[in-house]
PDB file of N, CA and C in Angstrom:
ATOM      1  N   MET A   1      66.563  96.437 141.813  1.00  0.00           N
ATOM      2  CA  MET A   1      66.214  95.893 140.519  1.00  0.00           C
ATOM      3  C   MET A   1      66.299  96.961 139.431  1.00  0.00           C
ATOM      4  N   TYR A   2      65.807  98.165 139.753  1.00  0.00           N
ATOM      5  CA  TYR A   2      65.863  99.246 138.779  1.00  0.00           C
ATOM      6  C   TYR A   2      67.304  99.656 138.482  1.00  0.00           C
ATOM      7  N   ARG A   3      68.131  99.596 139.470  1.00  0.00           N
ATOM      8  CA  ARG A   3      69.547  99.932 139.271  1.00  0.00           C
ATOM      9  C   ARG A   3      70.190  98.961 138.287  1.00  0.00           C
ATOM     10  N   LEU A   4      69.887  97.696 138.426  1.00  0.00           N
ATOM     11  CA  LEU A   4      70.452  96.687 137.541  1.00  0.00           C
ATOM     12  C   LEU A   4      70.015  96.915 136.094  1.00  0.00           C
ATOM     13  N   ILE A   5      68.752  97.227 135.895  1.00  0.00           N
ATOM     14  CA  ILE A   5      68.239  97.504 134.544  1.00  0.00           C
ATOM     15  C   ILE A   5      68.900  98.753 133.983  1.00  0.00           C
ATOM     16  N   LEU A   6      69.054  99.775 134.807  1.00  0.00           N
ATOM     17  CA  LEU A   6      69.698 101.017 134.369  1.00  0.00           C
ATOM     18  C   LEU A   6      71.159 100.779 134.006  1.00  0.00           C
ATOM     19  N   ILE A   7      71.872 100.019 134.788  1.00  0.00           N
ATOM     20  CA  ILE A   7      73.280  99.729 134.509  1.00  0.00           C
ATOM     21  C   ILE A   7      73.422  98.922 133.226  1.00  0.00           C
ATOM     22  N   VAL A   8      72.585  97.927 133.033  1.00  0.00           N
ATOM     23  CA  VAL A   8      72.630  97.114 131.814  1.00  0.00           C
ATOM     24  C   VAL A   8      72.312  97.985 130.591  1.00  0.00           C
ATOM     25  N   GLY A   9      71.317  98.856 130.728  1.00  0.00           N
ATOM     26  CA  GLY A   9      70.965  99.761 129.626  1.00  0.00           C
ATOM     27  C   GLY A   9      72.113 100.690 129.269  1.00  0.00           C
ATOM     28  N   LEU A  10      72.763 101.250 130.274  1.00  0.00           N
ATOM     29  CA  LEU A  10      73.903 102.134 130.019  1.00  0.00           C
ATOM     30  C   LEU A  10      75.071 101.388 129.380  1.00  0.00           C
ATOM     31  N   LEU A  11      75.296 100.146 129.803  1.00  0.00           N
ATOM     32  CA  LEU A  11      76.359  99.340 129.196  1.00  0.00           C
ATOM     33  C   LEU A  11      76.076  99.032 127.728  1.00  0.00           C
ATOM     34  N   VAL A  12      74.821  98.766 127.408  1.00  0.00           N
ATOM     35  CA  VAL A  12      74.448  98.500 126.010  1.00  0.00           C
ATOM     36  C   VAL A  12      74.656  99.745 125.161  1.00  0.00           C
ATOM     37  N   VAL A  13      74.232 100.902 125.651  1.00  0.00           N
ATOM     38  CA  VAL A  13      74.421 102.159 124.921  1.00  0.00           C
ATOM     39  C   VAL A  13      75.907 102.450 124.750  1.00  0.00           C
ATOM     40  N   ALA A  14      76.686 102.262 125.785  1.00  0.00           N
ATOM     41  CA  ALA A  14      78.133 102.499 125.700  1.00  0.00           C
ATOM     42  C   ALA A  14      78.775 101.555 124.694  1.00  0.00           C
ATOM     43  N   TYR A  15      78.336 100.322 124.659  1.00  0.00           N
ATOM     44  CA  TYR A  15      78.875  99.348 123.700  1.00  0.00           C
ATOM     45  C   TYR A  15      78.632  99.803 122.263  1.00  0.00           C
ATOM     46  N   PHE A  16      77.402 100.215 121.953  1.00  0.00           N
ATOM     47  CA  PHE A  16      77.093 100.628 120.588  1.00  0.00           C
ATOM     48  C   PHE A  16      77.810 101.922 120.204  1.00  0.00           C
ATOM     49  N   LEU A  17      77.949 102.848 121.137  1.00  0.00           N
ATOM     50  CA  LEU A  17      78.690 104.077 120.849  1.00  0.00           C
ATOM     51  C   LEU A  17      80.168 103.782 120.586  1.00  0.00           C
ATOM     52  N   LEU A  18      80.754 102.933 121.388  1.00  0.00           N
ATOM     53  CA  LEU A  18      82.154 102.559 121.208  1.00  0.00           C
ATOM     54  C   LEU A  18      82.353 101.819 119.887  1.00  0.00           C
ATOM     55  N   ARG A  19      81.436 100.938 119.557  1.00  0.00           N
ATOM     56  CA  ARG A  19      81.535 100.177 118.305  1.00  0.00           C
ATOM     57  C   ARG A  19      81.454 101.108 117.092  1.00  0.00           C
ATOM     58  N   SER A  20      80.550 102.085 117.119  1.00  0.00           N
ATOM     59  CA  SER A  20      80.445 102.999 115.973  1.00  0.00           C
ATOM     60  C   SER A  20      81.675 103.911 115.894  1.00  0.00           C
ATOM     61  N   ALA A  21      82.234 104.300 117.036  1.00  0.00           N
ATOM     62  CA  ALA A  21      83.444 105.134 117.026  1.00  0.00           C
ATOM     63  C   ALA A  21      84.620 104.362 116.443  1.00  0.00           C
ATOM     64  N   ILE A  22      84.739 103.094 116.772  1.00  0.00           N
ATOM     65  CA  ILE A  22      85.829 102.279 116.229  1.00  0.00           C
ATOM     66  C   ILE A  22      85.667 102.098 114.732  1.00  0.00           C
ATOM     67  N   ARG A  23      84.450 101.873 114.261  1.00  0.00           N
ATOM     68  CA  ARG A  23      84.213 101.737 112.814  1.00  0.00           C
ATOM     69  C   ARG A  23      84.556 103.017 112.069  1.00  0.00           C
ATOM     70  N   GLU A  24      84.195 104.166 112.645  1.00  0.00           N
ATOM     71  CA  GLU A  24      84.510 105.443 112.006  1.00  0.00           C
ATOM     72  C   GLU A  24      86.018 105.665 111.955  1.00  0.00           C
ATOM     73  N   PHE A  25      86.710 105.325 113.020  1.00  0.00           N
ATOM     74  CA  PHE A  25      88.162 105.482 113.061  1.00  0.00           C
ATOM     75  C   PHE A  25      88.829 104.594 112.014  1.00  0.00           C
ATOM     76  N   ARG A  26      88.374 103.369 111.878  1.00  0.00           N
ATOM     77  CA  ARG A  26      88.938 102.474 110.861  1.00  0.00           C
ATOM     78  C   ARG A  26      88.673 102.984 109.463  1.00  0.00           C
ATOM     79  N   GLY A  27      87.510 103.588 109.246  1.00  0.00           N
ATOM     80  CA  GLY A  27      87.178 104.150 107.933  1.00  0.00           C
ATOM     81  C   GLY A  27      88.093 105.293 107.562  1.00  0.00           C
ATOM     82  N   ARG A  28      88.426 106.135 108.526  1.00  0.00           N
ATOM     83  CA  ARG A  28      89.339 107.252 108.261  1.00  0.00           C
ATOM     84  C   ARG A  28      90.747 106.748 107.997  1.00  0.00           C
ATOM     85  N   LYS A  29      91.130 105.691 108.681  1.00  0.00           N
ATOM     86  CA  LYS A  29      92.474 105.141 108.515  1.00  0.00           C
ATOM     87  C   LYS A  29      92.665 104.547 107.127  1.00  0.00           C
ATOM     88  N   ASP A  30      91.574 104.047 106.523  1.00  0.00           N
ATOM     89  CA  ASP A  30      91.663 103.439 105.205  1.00  0.00           C
ATOM     90  C   ASP A  30      91.857 104.465 104.089  1.00  0.00           C
ATOM     91  N   GLN A  31      91.489 105.717 104.350  1.00  0.00           N
ATOM     92  CA  GLN A  31      91.683 106.746 103.340  1.00  0.00           C
ATOM     93  C   GLN A  31      93.161 107.103 103.284  1.00  0.00           C
ATOM     94  N   THR A  32      93.731 107.085 102.106  1.00  0.00           N
ATOM     95  CA  THR A  32      95.149 107.365 101.964  1.00  0.00           C
ATOM     96  C   THR A  32      95.363 108.693 101.272  1.00  0.00           C
ATOM     97  N   LEU A  33      96.578 109.181 101.344  1.00  0.00           N
ATOM     98  CA  LEU A  33      96.904 110.443 100.685  1.00  0.00           C
ATOM     99  C   LEU A  33      97.030 110.291  99.178  1.00  0.00           C
ATOM    100  N   THR A  34      97.092 109.083  98.691  1.00  0.00           N
ATOM    101  CA  THR A  34      97.187 108.863  97.247  1.00  0.00           C
ATOM    102  C   THR A  34      95.817 108.787  96.605  1.00  0.00           C
ATOM    103  N   ASP A  35      94.813 109.315  97.274  1.00  0.00           N
ATOM    104  CA  ASP A  35      93.466 109.333  96.735  1.00  0.00           C
ATOM    105  C   ASP A  35      93.441 110.141  95.438  1.00  0.00           C
ATOM    106  N   LYS A  36      92.708 109.658  94.450  1.00  0.00           N
ATOM    107  CA  LYS A  36      92.666 110.336  93.158  1.00  0.00           C
ATOM    108  C   LYS A  36      91.995 111.694  93.234  1.00  0.00           C
ATOM    109  N   ASN A  37      91.172 111.934  94.229  1.00  0.00           N
ATOM    110  CA  ASN A  37      90.480 113.208  94.364  1.00  0.00           C
ATOM    111  C   ASN A  37      91.321 114.261  95.071  1.00  0.00           C
ATOM    112  N   LEU A  38      92.541 113.939  95.435  1.00  0.00           N
ATOM    113  CA  LEU A  38      93.411 114.873  96.119  1.00  0.00           C
ATOM    114  C   LEU A  38      93.766 116.026  95.184  1.00  0.00           C
ATOM    115  N   MET A  39      93.673 117.236  95.699  1.00  0.00           N
ATOM    116  CA  MET A  39      93.988 118.415  94.893  1.00  0.00           C
ATOM    117  C   MET A  39      95.473 118.749  95.060  1.00  0.00           C
ATOM    118  N   VAL A  40      96.113 119.087  93.957  1.00  0.00           N
ATOM    119  CA  VAL A  40      97.520 119.480  93.968  1.00  0.00           C
ATOM    120  C   VAL A  40      97.631 120.877  93.385  1.00  0.00           C
ATOM    121  N   GLN A  41      98.667 121.602  93.814  1.00  0.00           N
ATOM    122  CA  GLN A  41      98.839 122.974  93.350  1.00  0.00           C
ATOM    123  C   GLN A  41      99.918 123.041  92.283  1.00  0.00           C
ATOM    124  N   ASP A  42      99.596 123.718  91.205  1.00  0.00           N
ATOM    125  CA  ASP A  42     100.538 123.955  90.127  1.00  0.00           C
ATOM    126  C   ASP A  42     101.572 124.961  90.621  1.00  0.00           C
ATOM    127  N   PRO A  43     102.893 124.655  90.548  1.00  0.00           N
ATOM    128  CA  PRO A  43     103.902 125.586  91.064  1.00  0.00           C
ATOM    129  C   PRO A  43     104.085 126.835  90.206  1.00  0.00           C
ATOM    130  N   VAL A  44     103.558 126.848  88.989  1.00  0.00           N
ATOM    131  CA  VAL A  44     103.728 128.004  88.114  1.00  0.00           C
ATOM    132  C   VAL A  44     102.587 128.997  88.298  1.00  0.00           C
ATOM    133  N   CYS A  45     101.362 128.559  88.042  1.00  0.00           N
ATOM    134  CA  CYS A  45     100.217 129.478  88.098  1.00  0.00           C
ATOM    135  C   CYS A  45      99.458 129.411  89.420  1.00  0.00           C
ATOM    136  N   ARG A  46      99.878 128.532  90.335  1.00  0.00           N
ATOM    137  CA  ARG A  46      99.297 128.386  91.674  1.00  0.00           C
ATOM    138  C   ARG A  46      97.835 127.929  91.654  1.00  0.00           C
ATOM    139  N   MET A  47      97.428 127.316  90.559  1.00  0.00           N
ATOM    140  CA  MET A  47      96.057 126.814  90.433  1.00  0.00           C
ATOM    141  C   MET A  47      95.970 125.411  91.031  1.00  0.00           C
ATOM    142  N   TYR A  48      94.867 125.095  91.690  1.00  0.00           N
ATOM    143  CA  TYR A  48      94.660 123.756  92.242  1.00  0.00           C
ATOM    144  C   TYR A  48      93.906 122.901  91.227  1.00  0.00           C
ATOM    145  N   VAL A  49      94.412 121.703  91.007  1.00  0.00           N
ATOM    146  CA  VAL A  49      93.789 120.768  90.071  1.00  0.00           C
ATOM    147  C   VAL A  49      93.714 119.384  90.713  1.00  0.00           C
ATOM    148  N   PRO A  50      92.724 118.569  90.330  1.00  0.00           N
ATOM    149  CA  PRO A  50      92.684 117.198  90.848  1.00  0.00           C
ATOM    150  C   PRO A  50      93.889 116.413  90.339  1.00  0.00           C
ATOM    151  N   ARG A  51      94.476 115.598  91.196  1.00  0.00           N
ATOM    152  CA  ARG A  51      95.683 114.858  90.834  1.00  0.00           C
ATOM    153  C   ARG A  51      95.451 113.960  89.622  1.00  0.00           C
ATOM    154  N   GLU A  52      94.256 113.371  89.514  1.00  0.00           N
ATOM    155  CA  GLU A  52      93.999 112.437  88.418  1.00  0.00           C
ATOM    156  C   GLU A  52      93.983 113.121  87.046  1.00  0.00           C
ATOM    157  N   SER A  53      93.685 114.427  87.002  1.00  0.00           N
ATOM    158  CA  SER A  53      93.658 115.115  85.712  1.00  0.00           C
ATOM    159  C   SER A  53      94.857 116.043  85.514  1.00  0.00           C
ATOM    160  N   ALA A  54      95.763 116.100  86.475  1.00  0.00           N
ATOM    161  CA  ALA A  54      96.932 116.981  86.374  1.00  0.00           C
ATOM    162  C   ALA A  54      97.995 116.364  85.469  1.00  0.00           C
ATOM    163  N   VAL A  55      98.807 117.227  84.878  1.00  0.00           N
ATOM    164  CA  VAL A  55      99.944 116.793  84.067  1.00  0.00           C
ATOM    165  C   VAL A  55     101.114 116.567  85.022  1.00  0.00           C
ATOM    166  N   ALA A  56     101.599 115.348  85.077  1.00  0.00           N
ATOM    167  CA  ALA A  56     102.702 115.017  85.974  1.00  0.00           C
ATOM    168  C   ALA A  56     104.015 115.038  85.211  1.00  0.00           C
ATOM    169  N   ALA A  57     105.035 115.624  85.840  1.00  0.00           N
ATOM    170  CA  ALA A  57     106.362 115.659  85.230  1.00  0.00           C
ATOM    171  C   ALA A  57     107.399 115.384  86.307  1.00  0.00           C
ATOM    172  N   SER A  58     108.324 114.491  85.991  1.00  0.00           N
ATOM    173  CA  SER A  58     109.400 114.178  86.917  1.00  0.00           C
ATOM    174  C   SER A  58     110.605 115.029  86.537  1.00  0.00           C
ATOM    175  N   ILE A  59     110.941 115.959  87.407  1.00  0.00           N
ATOM    176  CA  ILE A  59     112.020 116.902  87.134  1.00  0.00           C
ATOM    177  C   ILE A  59     113.008 116.833  88.295  1.00  0.00           C
ATOM    178  N   GLY A  60     114.217 116.464  88.001  1.00  0.00           N
ATOM    179  CA  GLY A  60     115.252 116.382  89.028  1.00  0.00           C
ATOM    180  C   GLY A  60     114.965 115.314  90.074  1.00  0.00           C
ATOM    181  N   GLY A  61     114.292 114.257  89.687  1.00  0.00           N
ATOM    182  CA  GLY A  61     113.987 113.181  90.620  1.00  0.00           C
ATOM    183  C   GLY A  61     112.766 113.425  91.487  1.00  0.00           C
ATOM    184  N   GLN A  62     112.074 114.536  91.286  1.00  0.00           N
ATOM    185  CA  GLN A  62     110.874 114.849  92.053  1.00  0.00           C
ATOM    186  C   GLN A  62     109.705 115.008  91.098  1.00  0.00           C
ATOM    187  N   THR A  63     108.539 114.541  91.489  1.00  0.00           N
ATOM    188  CA  THR A  63     107.352 114.636  90.642  1.00  0.00           C
ATOM    189  C   THR A  63     106.594 115.914  90.957  1.00  0.00           C
ATOM    190  N   TYR A  64     106.331 116.688  89.923  1.00  0.00           N
ATOM    191  CA  TYR A  64     105.552 117.916  90.029  1.00  0.00           C
ATOM    192  C   TYR A  64     104.265 117.731  89.237  1.00  0.00           C
ATOM    193  N   TYR A  65     103.208 118.412  89.675  1.00  0.00           N
ATOM    194  CA  TYR A  65     101.916 118.336  88.996  1.00  0.00           C
ATOM    195  C   TYR A  65     101.537 119.716  88.486  1.00  0.00           C
ATOM    196  N   PHE A  66     101.061 119.746  87.237  1.00  0.00           N
ATOM    197  CA  PHE A  66     100.739 121.007  86.571  1.00  0.00           C
ATOM    198  C   PHE A  66      99.325 120.966  86.017  1.00  0.00           C
ATOM    199  N   CYS A  67      98.750 122.155  85.810  1.00  0.00           N
ATOM    200  CA  CYS A  67      97.403 122.231  85.258  1.00  0.00           C
ATOM    201  C   CYS A  67      97.409 122.002  83.745  1.00  0.00           C
ATOM    202  N   SER A  68      98.545 122.293  83.092  1.00  0.00           N
ATOM    203  CA  SER A  68      98.635 122.103  81.645  1.00  0.00           C
ATOM    204  C   SER A  68     100.081 121.805  81.250  1.00  0.00           C
ATOM    205  N   ARG A  69     100.253 121.377  80.035  1.00  0.00           N
ATOM    206  CA  ARG A  69     101.592 121.096  79.509  1.00  0.00           C
ATOM    207  C   ARG A  69     102.406 122.393  79.392  1.00  0.00           C
ATOM    208  N   ASP A  70     101.719 123.503  79.105  1.00  0.00           N
ATOM    209  CA  ASP A  70     102.416 124.800  78.998  1.00  0.00           C
ATOM    210  C   ASP A  70     103.060 125.196  80.329  1.00  0.00           C
ATOM    211  N   CYS A  71     102.344 124.968  81.427  1.00  0.00           N
ATOM    212  CA  CYS A  71     102.916 125.283  82.744  1.00  0.00           C
ATOM    213  C   CYS A  71     104.108 124.374  83.049  1.00  0.00           C
ATOM    214  N   ALA A  72     104.044 123.129  82.646  1.00  0.00           N
ATOM    215  CA  ALA A  72     105.162 122.209  82.861  1.00  0.00           C
ATOM    216  C   ALA A  72     106.389 122.673  82.076  1.00  0.00           C
ATOM    217  N   ASP A  73     106.176 123.091  80.831  1.00  0.00           N
ATOM    218  CA  ASP A  73     107.295 123.591  80.023  1.00  0.00           C
ATOM    219  C   ASP A  73     107.878 124.870  80.595  1.00  0.00           C
ATOM    220  N   THR A  74     107.018 125.766  81.067  1.00  0.00           N
ATOM    221  CA  THR A  74     107.476 127.012  81.680  1.00  0.00           C
ATOM    222  C   THR A  74     108.303 126.722  82.927  1.00  0.00           C
ATOM    223  N   PHE A  75     107.866 125.768  83.723  1.00  0.00           N
ATOM    224  CA  PHE A  75     108.596 125.399  84.941  1.00  0.00           C
ATOM    225  C   PHE A  75     109.979 124.843  84.605  1.00  0.00           C
ATOM    226  N   GLN A  76     110.047 123.987  83.592  1.00  0.00           N
ATOM    227  CA  GLN A  76     111.339 123.430  83.187  1.00  0.00           C
ATOM    228  C   GLN A  76     112.273 124.535  82.676  1.00  0.00           C
ATOM    229  N   LYS A  77     111.740 125.504  81.944  1.00  0.00           N
ATOM    230  CA  LYS A  77     112.560 126.607  81.464  1.00  0.00           C
ATOM    231  C   LYS A  77     113.068 127.463  82.631  1.00  0.00           C
ATOM    232  N   GLN A  78     112.215 127.677  83.644  1.00  0.00           N
ATOM    233  CA  GLN A  78     112.625 128.462  84.809  1.00  0.00           C
ATOM    234  C   GLN A  78     113.736 127.762  85.577  1.00  0.00           C
ATOM    235  N   LEU A  79     113.666 126.447  85.679  1.00  0.00           N
ATOM    236  CA  LEU A  79     114.706 125.692  86.392  1.00  0.00           C
ATOM    237  C   LEU A  79     116.024 125.669  85.631  1.00  0.00           C
ATOM    238  N   SER A  80     115.949 125.623  84.311  1.00  0.00           N
ATOM    239  CA  SER A  80     117.181 125.520  83.526  1.00  0.00           C
ATOM    240  C   SER A  80     117.917 126.861  83.437  1.00  0.00           C
ATOM    241  N   SER A  81     117.213 127.958  83.654  1.00  0.00           N
ATOM    242  CA  SER A  81     117.900 129.266  83.570  1.00  0.00           C
ATOM    243  C   SER A  81     118.369 129.781  84.886  1.00  0.00           C
TER     244      SER A  81
END
């Protein structure tokens, strides 16, 4: 009788642990790389800035992110020379 109670108890604990692990895994899967809090590095001054506040410029078909408009202009001048 005690074995049966112990087995049922262990199965219940295993069920809840598995359920919480699956919920955590699904939560991580929902986070995408396009999150606004993602930090991007400025290719000119190497400073990291949040993507939502960075200056975006499409240069040569690729999008670059800069900390300021001055860095974006400097980058374009470096590419053109």
